[in-house]
Protein backbone atom coordinates (compact mmCIF):
# COMPACT_ATOMS: atom_id res chain seq x y z
CA UNK A 1 96.76 85.36 93.44
CA UNK A 2 98.99 82.41 92.62
CA UNK A 3 102.24 82.09 94.59
CA UNK A 4 105.12 81.43 92.21
CA UNK A 5 108.25 79.42 92.85
CA UNK A 6 110.32 80.73 89.93
CA UNK A 7 112.88 82.80 91.83
CA UNK A 8 115.36 80.90 94.02
CA UNK A 9 118.47 81.75 96.04
CA UNK A 10 121.85 80.16 95.25
CA UNK A 11 125.20 80.66 96.95
CA UNK A 12 128.09 81.95 94.87
CA UNK A 13 131.21 84.10 95.04
CA UNK A 14 132.06 87.51 93.69
CA UNK A 15 135.28 88.55 91.92
CA UNK A 16 137.10 89.03 95.23
CA UNK A 17 136.10 85.55 96.40
CA UNK A 18 133.58 86.69 99.03
CA UNK A 19 130.40 84.66 99.47
CA UNK A 20 127.30 86.24 97.90
CA UNK A 21 123.81 84.98 97.17
CA UNK A 22 122.32 85.08 93.67
CA UNK A 23 118.61 85.22 92.99
CA UNK A 24 118.08 83.23 89.81
CA UNK A 25 115.17 82.30 87.60
CA UNK A 26 115.27 79.00 85.76
CA UNK A 27 117.18 76.82 88.22
CA UNK A 28 120.83 76.65 89.24
CA UNK A 29 122.05 77.33 85.69
CA UNK A 30 119.39 79.99 85.11
CA UNK A 31 119.65 83.70 84.64
CA UNK A 32 120.88 85.77 87.60
CA UNK A 33 118.32 88.43 88.46
CA UNK A 34 120.28 90.10 91.28
CA UNK A 35 123.02 89.47 93.82
CA UNK A 36 122.83 90.06 97.59
CA UNK A 37 125.48 90.16 100.28
CA UNK A 38 123.25 88.70 102.99
CA UNK A 39 121.20 85.53 102.87
CA UNK A 40 118.33 87.20 104.73
CA UNK A 41 118.01 89.97 102.11
CA UNK A 42 118.25 87.45 99.26
CA UNK A 43 115.48 85.28 100.73
CA UNK A 44 113.25 88.31 101.35
CA UNK A 45 113.73 89.62 97.80
CA UNK A 46 113.14 86.17 96.26
CA UNK A 47 109.89 85.87 98.23
CA UNK A 48 108.77 89.29 97.01
CA UNK A 49 109.65 88.38 93.41
CA UNK A 50 107.68 85.13 93.69
CA UNK A 51 104.66 87.15 94.83
CA UNK A 52 105.15 89.90 92.24
CA UNK A 53 107.59 89.27 89.35
CA UNK A 54 107.66 93.05 88.69
CA UNK A 55 108.69 93.82 92.28
CA UNK A 56 111.95 95.49 91.24
CA UNK A 57 110.17 97.63 88.61
CA UNK A 58 107.71 99.18 91.06
CA UNK A 59 108.54 102.60 92.47
CA UNK A 60 111.15 103.49 89.86
CA UNK A 61 109.30 106.12 87.87
CA UNK A 62 110.90 109.54 87.78
CA UNK A 63 108.19 110.94 90.06
CA UNK A 64 108.80 108.14 92.61
CA UNK A 65 112.55 108.79 92.63
CA UNK A 66 112.08 112.54 93.08
CA UNK A 67 109.53 112.02 95.85
CA UNK A 68 111.90 109.70 97.70
CA UNK A 69 114.52 112.45 97.90
CA UNK A 70 112.32 115.54 98.23
CA UNK A 71 110.03 115.76 101.24
CA UNK A 72 108.06 118.64 99.70
CA UNK A 73 107.42 117.00 96.31
CA UNK A 74 103.75 116.97 95.39
CA UNK A 75 102.62 119.14 98.33
CA UNK A 76 100.61 122.29 97.80
CA UNK A 77 102.29 125.45 99.10
């Protein structure tokens, strides 16, 4: 599988003036995909998005959300 280089991390500020890191696509003036409070988390998420552009969409079906909060979901009784 091809490794992408579309998603990059840029430093910015939030409304309160605190430093945050934006993951953008399309360069410095590109679209913000998400914002992180730590550089480590931003880098890790950007790497995952470059591997799989649908990384944030995985695991968000209704069944996945229910299973994450219910330890007995899907088990036979």
